[in-house]
Amino acid sequence: MATKLGTMIREAREAKGMTKEELGEAMGISASTVGQIERGEIKRPPMRRIEGAAKALRVAKARLIEAGDIPKPKTKEKASSAKKPAKKKKPAKKKKAPKRAPSMSKKKRGQEAKARRAKR
């Protein structure tokens, strides 16, 4: 079942005389993905795809967002009067002491272990 967004994109594409391949190239996706959006198989495409469709079809991005029932992109808000709650600090993790010197090679450790066994 086609969505409002898909129907709007299809109608705008056909009005401009564009093929799915041409629109897909302009949006940076394949023609089959354009078809999936038009048919409503992809109900909420990423914002960058909507922006690409709006630019290629010369349609207002806001109209596509409203038709697709897509959340509007977050904008940076200026300092508000309400303060954010303070984050709780996690307790610091204890560092484990190394079991052996990191500079000692595996071969050297093996030789030292062999020497200790020989002394017993």
PDB file of N, CA and C in Angstrom:
ATOM      1  N   MET A   1       0.848  -1.175   0.000  1.00  0.00           N
ATOM      2  CA  MET A   1       0.000   0.000   0.000  1.00  0.00           C
ATOM      3  C   MET A   1       0.894   1.238   0.000  1.00  0.00           C
ATOM      4  N   ALA A   2       0.669   2.111  -0.947  1.00  0.00           N
ATOM      5  CA  ALA A   2       1.491   3.304  -1.067  1.00  0.00           C
ATOM      6  C   ALA A   2       1.201   4.278   0.066  1.00  0.00           C
ATOM      7  N   THR A   3       2.244   4.949   0.515  1.00  0.00           N
ATOM      8  CA  THR A   3       2.099   5.956   1.559  1.00  0.00           C
ATOM      9  C   THR A   3       1.881   7.316   0.912  1.00  0.00           C
ATOM     10  N   LYS A   4       1.514   8.302   1.713  1.00  0.00           N
ATOM     11  CA  LYS A   4       1.348   9.652   1.183  1.00  0.00           C
ATOM     12  C   LYS A   4       2.664  10.153   0.601  1.00  0.00           C
ATOM     13  N   LEU A   5       3.763   9.835   1.287  1.00  0.00           N
ATOM     14  CA  LEU A   5       5.083  10.251   0.812  1.00  0.00           C
ATOM     15  C   LEU A   5       5.385   9.611  -0.532  1.00  0.00           C
ATOM     16  N   GLY A   6       5.169   8.304  -0.628  1.00  0.00           N
ATOM     17  CA  GLY A   6       5.443   7.589  -1.869  1.00  0.00           C
ATOM     18  C   GLY A   6       4.607   8.096  -3.024  1.00  0.00           C
ATOM     19  N   THR A   7       3.331   8.345  -2.748  1.00  0.00           N
ATOM     20  CA  THR A   7       2.435   8.858  -3.782  1.00  0.00           C
ATOM     21  C   THR A   7       2.884  10.238  -4.232  1.00  0.00           C
ATOM     22  N   MET A   8       3.272  11.088  -3.282  1.00  0.00           N
ATOM     23  CA  MET A   8       3.713  12.439  -3.620  1.00  0.00           C
ATOM     24  C   MET A   8       4.980  12.403  -4.468  1.00  0.00           C
ATOM     25  N   ILE A   9       5.909  11.533  -4.107  1.00  0.00           N
ATOM     26  CA  ILE A   9       7.152  11.422  -4.876  1.00  0.00           C
ATOM     27  C   ILE A   9       6.867  10.913  -6.282  1.00  0.00           C
ATOM     28  N   ARG A  10       6.012   9.894  -6.391  1.00  0.00           N
ATOM     29  CA  ARG A  10       5.685   9.341  -7.712  1.00  0.00           C
ATOM     30  C   ARG A  10       5.018  10.404  -8.592  1.00  0.00           C
ATOM     31  N   GLU A  11       4.034  11.117  -8.040  1.00  0.00           N
ATOM     32  CA  GLU A  11       3.332  12.130  -8.825  1.00  0.00           C
ATOM     33  C   GLU A  11       4.282  13.246  -9.264  1.00  0.00           C
ATOM     34  N   ALA A  12       5.157  13.690  -8.367  1.00  0.00           N
ATOM     35  CA  ALA A  12       6.106  14.747  -8.716  1.00  0.00           C
ATOM     36  C   ALA A  12       7.094  14.250  -9.758  1.00  0.00           C
ATOM     37  N   ARG A  13       7.549  12.997  -9.609  1.00  0.00           N
ATOM     38  CA  ARG A  13       8.506  12.428 -10.572  1.00  0.00           C
ATOM     39  C   ARG A  13       7.878  12.334 -11.952  1.00  0.00           C
ATOM     40  N   GLU A  14       6.636  11.841 -12.022  1.00  0.00           N
ATOM     41  CA  GLU A  14       5.956  11.702 -13.311  1.00  0.00           C
ATOM     42  C   GLU A  14       5.653  13.077 -13.918  1.00  0.00           C
ATOM     43  N   ALA A  15       5.305  14.064 -13.081  1.00  0.00           N
ATOM     44  CA  ALA A  15       5.033  15.408 -13.580  1.00  0.00           C
ATOM     45  C   ALA A  15       6.291  16.035 -14.188  1.00  0.00           C
ATOM     46  N   LYS A  16       7.442  15.715 -13.632  1.00  0.00           N
ATOM     47  CA  LYS A  16       8.714  16.233 -14.154  1.00  0.00           C
ATOM     48  C   LYS A  16       9.216  15.414 -15.342  1.00  0.00           C
ATOM     49  N   GLY A  17       8.553  14.272 -15.604  1.00  0.00           N
ATOM     50  CA  GLY A  17       8.972  13.418 -16.705  1.00  0.00           C
ATOM     51  C   GLY A  17      10.247  12.647 -16.399  1.00  0.00           C
ATOM     52  N   MET A  18      10.504  12.398 -15.132  1.00  0.00           N
ATOM     53  CA  MET A  18      11.714  11.674 -14.728  1.00  0.00           C
ATOM     54  C   MET A  18      11.426  10.183 -14.601  1.00  0.00           C
ATOM     55  N   THR A  19      12.442   9.373 -14.862  1.00  0.00           N
ATOM     56  CA  THR A  19      12.334   7.938 -14.614  1.00  0.00           C
ATOM     57  C   THR A  19      12.805   7.654 -13.192  1.00  0.00           C
ATOM     58  N   LYS A  20      12.526   6.450 -12.731  1.00  0.00           N
ATOM     59  CA  LYS A  20      13.001   6.045 -11.400  1.00  0.00           C
ATOM     60  C   LYS A  20      14.522   6.044 -11.370  1.00  0.00           C
ATOM     61  N   GLU A  21      15.142   5.674 -12.476  1.00  0.00           N
ATOM     62  CA  GLU A  21      16.595   5.637 -12.547  1.00  0.00           C
ATOM     63  C   GLU A  21      17.187   7.038 -12.386  1.00  0.00           C
ATOM     64  N   GLU A  22      16.569   8.016 -13.078  1.00  0.00           N
ATOM     65  CA  GLU A  22      17.060   9.389 -12.987  1.00  0.00           C
ATOM     66  C   GLU A  22      16.887   9.950 -11.572  1.00  0.00           C
ATOM     67  N   LEU A  23      15.730   9.693 -10.984  1.00  0.00           N
ATOM     68  CA  LEU A  23      15.497  10.173  -9.615  1.00  0.00           C
ATOM     69  C   LEU A  23      16.433   9.472  -8.639  1.00  0.00           C
ATOM     70  N   GLY A  24      16.595   8.175  -8.816  1.00  0.00           N
ATOM     71  CA  GLY A  24      17.494   7.422  -7.950  1.00  0.00           C
ATOM     72  C   GLY A  24      18.921   7.929  -8.017  1.00  0.00           C
ATOM     73  N   GLU A  25      19.376   8.261  -9.220  1.00  0.00           N
ATOM     74  CA  GLU A  25      20.729   8.790  -9.387  1.00  0.00           C
ATOM     75  C   GLU A  25      20.869  10.134  -8.666  1.00  0.00           C
ATOM     76  N   ALA A  26      19.849  10.964  -8.774  1.00  0.00           N
ATOM     77  CA  ALA A  26      19.878  12.266  -8.103  1.00  0.00           C
ATOM     78  C   ALA A  26      19.831  12.121  -6.585  1.00  0.00           C
ATOM     79  N   MET A  27      19.140  11.078  -6.104  1.00  0.00           N
ATOM     80  CA  MET A  27      19.013  10.857  -4.660  1.00  0.00           C
ATOM     81  C   MET A  27      20.169  10.044  -4.096  1.00  0.00           C
ATOM     82  N   GLY A  28      20.932   9.384  -4.962  1.00  0.00           N
ATOM     83  CA  GLY A  28      22.037   8.546  -4.495  1.00  0.00           C
ATOM     84  C   GLY A  28      21.598   7.150  -4.100  1.00  0.00           C
ATOM     85  N   ILE A  29      20.502   6.674  -4.711  1.00  0.00           N
ATOM     86  CA  ILE A  29      19.994   5.327  -4.431  1.00  0.00           C
ATOM     87  C   ILE A  29      19.649   4.651  -5.754  1.00  0.00           C
ATOM     88  N   SER A  30      19.314   3.376  -5.686  1.00  0.00           N
ATOM     89  CA  SER A  30      18.979   2.641  -6.898  1.00  0.00           C
ATOM     90  C   SER A  30      17.525   2.890  -7.295  1.00  0.00           C
ATOM     91  N   ALA A  31      17.208   2.548  -8.539  1.00  0.00           N
ATOM     92  CA  ALA A  31      15.841   2.703  -9.031  1.00  0.00           C
ATOM     93  C   ALA A  31      14.886   1.801  -8.261  1.00  0.00           C
ATOM     94  N   SER A  32      15.350   0.624  -7.862  1.00  0.00           N
ATOM     95  CA  SER A  32      14.477  -0.280  -7.108  1.00  0.00           C
ATOM     96  C   SER A  32      14.147   0.291  -5.731  1.00  0.00           C
ATOM     97  N   THR A  33      15.088   1.011  -5.130  1.00  0.00           N
ATOM     98  CA  THR A  33      14.823   1.645  -3.836  1.00  0.00           C
ATOM     99  C   THR A  33      13.816   2.780  -4.005  1.00  0.00           C
ATOM    100  N   VAL A  34      13.912   3.518  -5.106  1.00  0.00           N
ATOM    101  CA  VAL A  34      12.918   4.561  -5.392  1.00  0.00           C
ATOM    102  C   VAL A  34      11.535   3.911  -5.487  1.00  0.00           C
ATOM    103  N   GLY A  35      11.458   2.788  -6.191  1.00  0.00           N
ATOM    104  CA  GLY A  35      10.199   2.060  -6.315  1.00  0.00           C
ATOM    105  C   GLY A  35       9.661   1.610  -4.974  1.00  0.00           C
ATOM    106  N   GLN A  36      10.560   1.149  -4.093  1.00  0.00           N
ATOM    107  CA  GLN A  36      10.129   0.710  -2.756  1.00  0.00           C
ATOM    108  C   GLN A  36       9.567   1.881  -1.957  1.00  0.00           C
ATOM    109  N   ILE A  37      10.168   3.043  -2.093  1.00  0.00           N
ATOM    110  CA  ILE A  37       9.670   4.227  -1.387  1.00  0.00           C
ATOM    111  C   ILE A  37       8.312   4.614  -1.957  1.00  0.00           C
ATOM    112  N   GLU A  38       8.192   4.603  -3.284  1.00  0.00           N
ATOM    113  CA  GLU A  38       6.926   4.976  -3.918  1.00  0.00           C
ATOM    114  C   GLU A  38       5.802   4.007  -3.564  1.00  0.00           C
ATOM    115  N   ARG A  39       6.109   2.721  -3.452  1.00  0.00           N
ATOM    116  CA  ARG A  39       5.097   1.720  -3.114  1.00  0.00           C
ATOM    117  C   ARG A  39       4.792   1.663  -1.627  1.00  0.00           C
ATOM    118  N   GLY A  40       5.603   2.326  -0.818  1.00  0.00           N
ATOM    119  CA  GLY A  40       5.365   2.334   0.618  1.00  0.00           C
ATOM    120  C   GLY A  40       6.047   1.196   1.349  1.00  0.00           C
ATOM    121  N   GLU A  41       6.924   0.463   0.677  1.00  0.00           N
ATOM    122  CA  GLU A  41       7.662  -0.619   1.330  1.00  0.00           C
ATOM    123  C   GLU A  41       8.709  -0.043   2.279  1.00  0.00           C
ATOM    124  N   ILE A  42       9.222   1.129   1.940  1.00  0.00           N
ATOM    125  CA  ILE A  42      10.098   1.863   2.851  1.00  0.00           C
ATOM    126  C   ILE A  42       9.271   3.052   3.314  1.00  0.00           C
ATOM    127  N   LYS A  43       8.761   2.962   4.526  1.00  0.00           N
ATOM    128  CA  LYS A  43       7.825   3.965   5.018  1.00  0.00           C
ATOM    129  C   LYS A  43       8.498   5.245   5.497  1.00  0.00           C
ATOM    130  N   ARG A  44       9.673   5.127   6.081  1.00  0.00           N
ATOM    131  CA  ARG A  44      10.371   6.295   6.627  1.00  0.00           C
ATOM    132  C   ARG A  44      11.817   6.309   6.149  1.00  0.00           C
ATOM    133  N   PRO A  45      12.043   6.778   4.926  1.00  0.00           N
ATOM    134  CA  PRO A  45      13.422   6.824   4.423  1.00  0.00           C
ATOM    135  C   PRO A  45      14.246   7.827   5.210  1.00  0.00           C
ATOM    136  N   PRO A  46      15.567   7.680   5.204  1.00  0.00           N
ATOM    137  CA  PRO A  46      16.431   8.618   5.928  1.00  0.00           C
ATOM    138  C   PRO A  46      16.266  10.044   5.407  1.00  0.00           C
ATOM    139  N   MET A  47      16.527  11.004   6.271  1.00  0.00           N
ATOM    140  CA  MET A  47      16.353  12.413   5.935  1.00  0.00           C
ATOM    141  C   MET A  47      17.185  12.805   4.717  1.00  0.00           C
ATOM    142  N   ARG A  48      18.387  12.257   4.575  1.00  0.00           N
ATOM    143  CA  ARG A  48      19.222  12.635   3.434  1.00  0.00           C
ATOM    144  C   ARG A  48      18.574  12.199   2.122  1.00  0.00           C
ATOM    145  N   ARG A  49      17.794  11.133   2.138  1.00  0.00           N
ATOM    146  CA  ARG A  49      17.097  10.682   0.928  1.00  0.00           C
ATOM    147  C   ARG A  49      15.922  11.602   0.614  1.00  0.00           C
ATOM    148  N   ILE A  50      15.225  12.053   1.646  1.00  0.00           N
ATOM    149  CA  ILE A  50      14.116  12.982   1.445  1.00  0.00           C
ATOM    150  C   ILE A  50      14.641  14.303   0.908  1.00  0.00           C
ATOM    151  N   GLU A  51      15.772  14.756   1.460  1.00  0.00           N
ATOM    152  CA  GLU A  51      16.380  15.995   0.975  1.00  0.00           C
ATOM    153  C   GLU A  51      16.788  15.855  -0.488  1.00  0.00           C
ATOM    154  N   GLY A  52      17.331  14.691  -0.849  1.00  0.00           N
ATOM    155  CA  GLY A  52      17.719  14.442  -2.235  1.00  0.00           C
ATOM    156  C   GLY A  52      16.521  14.443  -3.171  1.00  0.00           C
ATOM    157  N   ALA A  53      15.423  13.832  -2.734  1.00  0.00           N
ATOM    158  CA  ALA A  53      14.204  13.810  -3.549  1.00  0.00           C
ATOM    159  C   ALA A  53      13.645  15.217  -3.711  1.00  0.00           C
ATOM    160  N   ALA A  54      13.623  15.973  -2.617  1.00  0.00           N
ATOM    161  CA  ALA A  54      13.093  17.336  -2.669  1.00  0.00           C
ATOM    162  C   ALA A  54      13.907  18.197  -3.635  1.00  0.00           C
ATOM    163  N   LYS A  55      15.210  18.046  -3.592  1.00  0.00           N
ATOM    164  CA  LYS A  55      16.080  18.837  -4.466  1.00  0.00           C
ATOM    165  C   LYS A  55      15.892  18.423  -5.931  1.00  0.00           C
ATOM    166  N   ALA A  56      15.861  17.109  -6.179  1.00  0.00           N
ATOM    167  CA  ALA A  56      15.741  16.619  -7.549  1.00  0.00           C
ATOM    168  C   ALA A  56      14.376  16.951  -8.145  1.00  0.00           C
ATOM    169  N   LEU A  57      13.335  16.879  -7.341  1.00  0.00           N
ATOM    170  CA  LEU A  57      11.972  17.113  -7.828  1.00  0.00           C
ATOM    171  C   LEU A  57      11.544  18.570  -7.706  1.00  0.00           C
ATOM    172  N   ARG A  58      12.400  19.379  -7.066  1.00  0.00           N
ATOM    173  CA  ARG A  58      12.096  20.791  -6.818  1.00  0.00           C
ATOM    174  C   ARG A  58      10.775  20.940  -6.066  1.00  0.00           C
ATOM    175  N   VAL A  59      10.702  20.184  -4.972  1.00  0.00           N
ATOM    176  CA  VAL A  59       9.550  20.223  -4.079  1.00  0.00           C
ATOM    177  C   VAL A  59      10.077  20.643  -2.714  1.00  0.00           C
ATOM    178  N   ALA A  60       9.268  21.353  -1.953  1.00  0.00           N
ATOM    179  CA  ALA A  60       9.689  21.775  -0.621  1.00  0.00           C
ATOM    180  C   ALA A  60       9.901  20.548   0.266  1.00  0.00           C
ATOM    181  N   LYS A  61      11.040  20.526   0.929  1.00  0.00           N
ATOM    182  CA  LYS A  61      11.367  19.411   1.820  1.00  0.00           C
ATOM    183  C   LYS A  61      10.303  19.261   2.897  1.00  0.00           C
ATOM    184  N   ALA A  62       9.775  20.381   3.375  1.00  0.00           N
ATOM    185  CA  ALA A  62       8.756  20.352   4.430  1.00  0.00           C
ATOM    186  C   ALA A  62       7.506  19.600   3.972  1.00  0.00           C
ATOM    187  N   ARG A  63       7.140  19.747   2.691  1.00  0.00           N
ATOM    188  CA  ARG A  63       5.956  19.026   2.178  1.00  0.00           C
ATOM    189  C   ARG A  63       6.182  17.523   2.209  1.00  0.00           C
ATOM    190  N   LEU A  64       7.386  17.087   1.848  1.00  0.00           N
ATOM    191  CA  LEU A  64       7.686  15.653   1.867  1.00  0.00           C
ATOM    192  C   LEU A  64       7.717  15.135   3.297  1.00  0.00           C
ATOM    193  N   ILE A  65       8.267  15.926   4.209  1.00  0.00           N
ATOM    194  CA  ILE A  65       8.342  15.504   5.609  1.00  0.00           C
ATOM    195  C   ILE A  65       6.943  15.360   6.182  1.00  0.00           C
ATOM    196  N   GLU A  66       6.073  16.322   5.904  1.00  0.00           N
ATOM    197  CA  GLU A  66       4.693  16.250   6.396  1.00  0.00           C
ATOM    198  C   GLU A  66       3.959  15.066   5.786  1.00  0.00           C
ATOM    199  N   ALA A  67       4.152  14.828   4.488  1.00  0.00           N
ATOM    200  CA  ALA A  67       3.481  13.723   3.811  1.00  0.00           C
ATOM    201  C   ALA A  67       3.958  12.379   4.344  1.00  0.00           C
ATOM    202  N   GLY A  68       5.217  12.312   4.718  1.00  0.00           N
ATOM    203  CA  GLY A  68       5.783  11.055   5.182  1.00  0.00           C
ATOM    204  C   GLY A  68       5.630  10.820   6.664  1.00  0.00           C
ATOM    205  N   ASP A  69       5.028  11.775   7.373  1.00  0.00           N
ATOM    206  CA  ASP A  69       4.883  11.666   8.819  1.00  0.00           C
ATOM    207  C   ASP A  69       6.239  11.359   9.451  1.00  0.00           C
ATOM    208  N   ILE A  70       7.234  12.108   9.016  1.00  0.00           N
ATOM    209  CA  ILE A  70       8.609  11.912   9.465  1.00  0.00           C
ATOM    210  C   ILE A  70       8.935  12.981  10.497  1.00  0.00           C
ATOM    211  N   PRO A  71       9.577  12.604  11.594  1.00  0.00           N
ATOM    212  CA  PRO A  71       9.934  13.611  12.588  1.00  0.00           C
ATOM    213  C   PRO A  71      10.878  14.644  11.999  1.00  0.00           C
ATOM    214  N   LYS A  72      10.634  15.896  12.333  1.00  0.00           N
ATOM    215  CA  LYS A  72      11.478  16.972  11.824  1.00  0.00           C
ATOM    216  C   LYS A  72      12.880  16.841  12.407  1.00  0.00           C
ATOM    217  N   PRO A  73      13.894  17.220  11.638  1.00  0.00           N
ATOM    218  CA  PRO A  73      15.265  17.118  12.155  1.00  0.00           C
ATOM    219  C   PRO A  73      15.445  18.004  13.376  1.00  0.00           C
ATOM    220  N   LYS A  74      16.250  17.521  14.299  1.00  0.00           N
ATOM    221  CA  LYS A  74      16.512  18.267  15.522  1.00  0.00           C
ATOM    222  C   LYS A  74      17.367  19.480  15.200  1.00  0.00           C
ATOM    223  N   THR A  75      17.002  20.596  15.811  1.00  0.00           N
ATOM    224  CA  THR A  75      17.793  21.806  15.637  1.00  0.00           C
ATOM    225  C   THR A  75      18.461  22.127  16.952  1.00  0.00           C
ATOM    226  N   LYS A  76      19.546  22.838  16.863  1.00  0.00           N
ATOM    227  CA  LYS A  76      20.262  23.208  18.076  1.00  0.00           C
ATOM    228  C   LYS A  76      19.468  24.284  18.796  1.00  0.00           C
ATOM    229  N   GLU A  77      19.176  24.030  20.050  1.00  0.00           N
ATOM    230  CA  GLU A  77      18.432  24.997  20.836  1.00  0.00           C
ATOM    231  C   GLU A  77      19.400  25.886  21.599  1.00  0.00           C
ATOM    232  N   LYS A  78      18.988  27.108  21.776  1.00  0.00           N
ATOM    233  CA  LYS A  78      19.804  28.023  22.565  1.00  0.00           C
ATOM    234  C   LYS A  78      19.613  27.681  24.032  1.00  0.00           C
ATOM    235  N   ALA A  79      20.429  28.278  24.870  1.00  0.00           N
ATOM    236  CA  ALA A  79      20.383  27.994  26.301  1.00  0.00           C
ATOM    237  C   ALA A  79      18.960  28.171  26.818  1.00  0.00           C
ATOM    238  N   SER A  80      18.476  27.152  27.480  1.00  0.00           N
ATOM    239  CA  SER A  80      17.122  27.226  28.016  1.00  0.00           C
ATOM    240  C   SER A  80      17.188  27.468  29.518  1.00  0.00           C
ATOM    241  N   SER A  81      16.033  27.856  30.065  1.00  0.00           N
ATOM    242  CA  SER A  81      15.997  28.158  31.489  1.00  0.00           C
ATOM    243  C   SER A  81      16.057  26.883  32.336  1.00  0.00           C
ATOM    244  N   ALA A  82      15.567  25.781  31.793  1.00  0.00           N
ATOM    245  CA  ALA A  82      15.577  24.535  32.554  1.00  0.00           C
ATOM    246  C   ALA A  82      16.958  23.891  32.455  1.00  0.00           C
ATOM    247  N   LYS A  83      17.485  23.498  33.596  1.00  0.00           N
ATOM    248  CA  LYS A  83      18.797  22.849  33.613  1.00  0.00           C
ATOM    249  C   LYS A  83      18.614  21.355  33.422  1.00  0.00           C
ATOM    250  N   LYS A  84      19.591  20.755  32.795  1.00  0.00           N
ATOM    251  CA  LYS A  84      19.580  19.309  32.632  1.00  0.00           C
ATOM    252  C   LYS A  84      19.975  18.673  33.956  1.00  0.00           C
ATOM    253  N   PRO A  85      19.402  17.508  34.266  1.00  0.00           N
ATOM    254  CA  PRO A  85      19.789  16.841  35.503  1.00  0.00           C
ATOM    255  C   PRO A  85      21.250  16.410  35.445  1.00  0.00           C
ATOM    256  N   ALA A  86      21.905  16.492  36.571  1.00  0.00           N
ATOM    257  CA  ALA A  86      23.322  16.126  36.652  1.00  0.00           C
ATOM    258  C   ALA A  86      23.481  14.631  36.429  1.00  0.00           C
ATOM    259  N   LYS A  87      24.513  14.274  35.691  1.00  0.00           N
ATOM    260  CA  LYS A  87      24.782  12.864  35.447  1.00  0.00           C
ATOM    261  C   LYS A  87      25.492  12.269  36.652  1.00  0.00           C
ATOM    262  N   LYS A  88      25.129  11.037  36.962  1.00  0.00           N
ATOM    263  CA  LYS A  88      25.785  10.350  38.069  1.00  0.00           C
ATOM    264  C   LYS A  88      27.135   9.845  37.594  1.00  0.00           C
ATOM    265  N   LYS A  89      28.128  10.029  38.424  1.00  0.00           N
ATOM    266  CA  LYS A  89      29.459   9.553  38.079  1.00  0.00           C
ATOM    267  C   LYS A  89      29.577   8.085  38.422  1.00  0.00           C
ATOM    268  N   LYS A  90      30.177   7.352  37.527  1.00  0.00           N
ATOM    269  CA  LYS A  90      30.408   5.936  37.767  1.00  0.00           C
ATOM    270  C   LYS A  90      31.646   5.795  38.635  1.00  0.00           C
ATOM    271  N   PRO A  91      31.647   4.821  39.537  1.00  0.00           N
ATOM    272  CA  PRO A  91      32.844   4.622  40.365  1.00  0.00           C
ATOM    273  C   PRO A  91      34.028   4.213  39.483  1.00  0.00           C
ATOM    274  N   ALA A  92      35.183   4.717  39.851  1.00  0.00           N
ATOM    275  CA  ALA A  92      36.391   4.419  39.085  1.00  0.00           C
ATOM    276  C   ALA A  92      36.750   2.950  39.232  1.00  0.00           C
ATOM    277  N   LYS A  93      37.139   2.348  38.126  1.00  0.00           N
ATOM    278  CA  LYS A  93      37.537   0.944  38.161  1.00  0.00           C
ATOM    279  C   LYS A  93      38.969   0.849  38.662  1.00  0.00           C
ATOM    280  N   LYS A  94      39.199  -0.169  39.461  1.00  0.00           N
ATOM    281  CA  LYS A  94      40.554  -0.391  39.968  1.00  0.00           C
ATOM    282  C   LYS A  94      41.397  -0.999  38.868  1.00  0.00           C
ATOM    283  N   LYS A  95      42.606  -0.513  38.767  1.00  0.00           N
ATOM    284  CA  LYS A  95      43.523  -1.057  37.781  1.00  0.00           C
ATOM    285  C   LYS A  95      44.171  -2.300  38.344  1.00  0.00           C
ATOM    286  N   LYS A  96      44.222  -3.322  37.520  1.00  0.00           N
ATOM    287  CA  LYS A  96      44.870  -4.559  37.945  1.00  0.00           C
ATOM    288  C   LYS A  96      46.362  -4.440  37.688  1.00  0.00           C
ATOM    289  N   ALA A  97      47.116  -4.935  38.642  1.00  0.00           N
ATOM    290  CA  ALA A  97      48.572  -4.920  38.493  1.00  0.00           C
ATOM    291  C   ALA A  97      48.960  -5.968  37.451  1.00  0.00           C
ATOM    292  N   PRO A  98      49.921  -5.657  36.612  1.00  0.00           N
ATOM    293  CA  PRO A  98      50.338  -6.637  35.612  1.00  0.00           C
ATOM    294  C   PRO A  98      50.954  -7.854  36.297  1.00  0.00           C
ATOM    295  N   LYS A  99      50.694  -9.013  35.754  1.00  0.00           N
ATOM    296  CA  LYS A  99      51.209 -10.247  36.331  1.00  0.00           C
ATOM    297  C   LYS A  99      52.695 -10.420  36.055  1.00  0.00           C
ATOM    298  N   ARG A 100      53.139  -9.862  34.960  1.00  0.00           N
ATOM    299  CA  ARG A 100      54.557  -9.972  34.615  1.00  0.00           C
ATOM    300  C   ARG A 100      54.974  -8.703  33.891  1.00  0.00           C
ATOM    301  N   ALA A 101      56.250  -8.535  33.801  1.00  0.00           N
ATOM    302  CA  ALA A 101      56.768  -7.346  33.152  1.00  0.00           C
ATOM    303  C   ALA A 101      56.407  -7.389  31.665  1.00  0.00           C
ATOM    304  N   PRO A 102      55.820  -6.336  31.139  1.00  0.00           N
ATOM    305  CA  PRO A 102      55.405  -6.360  29.744  1.00  0.00           C
ATOM    306  C   PRO A 102      56.576  -6.391  28.762  1.00  0.00           C
ATOM    307  N   SER A 103      57.768  -5.960  29.208  1.00  0.00           N
ATOM    308  CA  SER A 103      58.903  -5.929  28.304  1.00  0.00           C
ATOM    309  C   SER A 103      59.556  -7.310  28.150  1.00  0.00           C
ATOM    310  N   MET A 104      59.221  -8.249  29.018  1.00  0.00           N
ATOM    311  CA  MET A 104      59.844  -9.565  28.961  1.00  0.00           C
ATOM    312  C   MET A 104      59.184 -10.398  27.857  1.00  0.00           C
ATOM    313  N   SER A 105      59.991 -10.959  27.008  1.00  0.00           N
ATOM    314  CA  SER A 105      59.447 -11.745  25.900  1.00  0.00           C
ATOM    315  C   SER A 105      58.984 -13.106  26.397  1.00  0.00           C
ATOM    316  N   LYS A 106      58.158 -13.739  25.598  1.00  0.00           N
ATOM    317  CA  LYS A 106      57.643 -15.055  25.945  1.00  0.00           C
ATOM    318  C   LYS A 106      58.789 -16.064  26.054  1.00  0.00           C
ATOM    319  N   LYS A 107      59.740 -15.941  25.163  1.00  0.00           N
ATOM    320  CA  LYS A 107      60.888 -16.845  25.171  1.00  0.00           C
ATOM    321  C   LYS A 107      61.691 -16.677  26.461  1.00  0.00           C
ATOM    322  N   LYS A 108      61.935 -15.432  26.863  1.00  0.00           N
ATOM    323  CA  LYS A 108      62.698 -15.142  28.075  1.00  0.00           C
ATOM    324  C   LYS A 108      61.978 -15.684  29.307  1.00  0.00           C
ATOM    325  N   ARG A 109      60.641 -15.497  29.360  1.00  0.00           N
ATOM    326  CA  ARG A 109      59.882 -16.022  30.504  1.00  0.00           C
ATOM    327  C   ARG A 109      60.001 -17.539  30.586  1.00  0.00           C
ATOM    328  N   GLY A 110      59.968 -18.183  29.414  1.00  0.00           N
ATOM    329  CA  GLY A 110      60.103 -19.643  29.381  1.00  0.00           C
ATOM    330  C   GLY A 110      61.465 -20.089  29.882  1.00  0.00           C
ATOM    331  N   GLN A 111      62.494 -19.338  29.517  1.00  0.00           N
ATOM    332  CA  GLN A 111      63.847 -19.686  29.962  1.00  0.00           C
ATOM    333  C   GLN A 111      63.970 -19.512  31.470  1.00  0.00           C
ATOM    334  N   GLU A 112      63.405 -18.434  32.023  1.00  0.00           N
ATOM    335  CA  GLU A 112      63.482 -18.208  33.471  1.00  0.00           C
ATOM    336  C   GLU A 112      62.710 -19.272  34.231  1.00  0.00           C
ATOM    337  N   ALA A 113      61.559 -19.667  33.731  1.00  0.00           N
ATOM    338  CA  ALA A 113      60.768 -20.704  34.384  1.00  0.00           C
ATOM    339  C   ALA A 113      61.522 -22.028  34.363  1.00  0.00           C
ATOM    340  N   LYS A 114      62.199 -22.323  33.286  1.00  0.00           N
ATOM    341  CA  LYS A 114      62.973 -23.550  33.160  1.00  0.00           C
ATOM    342  C   LYS A 114      64.137 -23.537  34.159  1.00  0.00           C
ATOM    343  N   ALA A 115      64.775 -22.378  34.314  1.00  0.00           N
ATOM    344  CA  ALA A 115      65.887 -22.253  35.254  1.00  0.00           C
ATOM    345  C   ALA A 115      65.403 -22.439  36.694  1.00  0.00           C
ATOM    346  N   ARG A 116      64.230 -21.910  37.020  1.00  0.00           N
ATOM    347  CA  ARG A 116      63.701 -22.063  38.390  1.00  0.00           C
ATOM    348  C   ARG A 116      63.378 -23.537  38.661  1.00  0.00           C
ATOM    349  N   ARG A 117      62.833 -24.231  37.696  1.00  0.00           N
ATOM    350  CA  ARG A 117      62.515 -25.643  37.882  1.00  0.00           C
ATOM    351  C   ARG A 117      63.796 -26.465  38.066  1.00  0.00           C
ATOM    352  N   ALA A 118      64.845 -26.085  37.364  1.00  0.00           N
ATOM    353  CA  ALA A 118      66.107 -26.808  37.436  1.00  0.00           C
ATOM    354  C   ALA A 118      66.759 -26.642  38.822  1.00  0.00           C
ATOM    355  N   LYS A 119      66.529 -25.484  39.470  1.00  0.00           N
ATOM    356  CA  LYS A 119      67.107 -25.231  40.782  1.00  0.00           C
ATOM    357  C   LYS A 119      66.421 -26.037  41.861  1.00  0.00           C
ATOM    358  N   ARG A 120      65.252 -26.506  41.681  1.00  0.00           N
ATOM    359  CA  ARG A 120      64.512 -27.245  42.726  1.00  0.00           C
ATOM    360  C   ARG A 120      65.062 -28.552  42.968  1.00  0.00           C
TER     361      ARG A 120
END
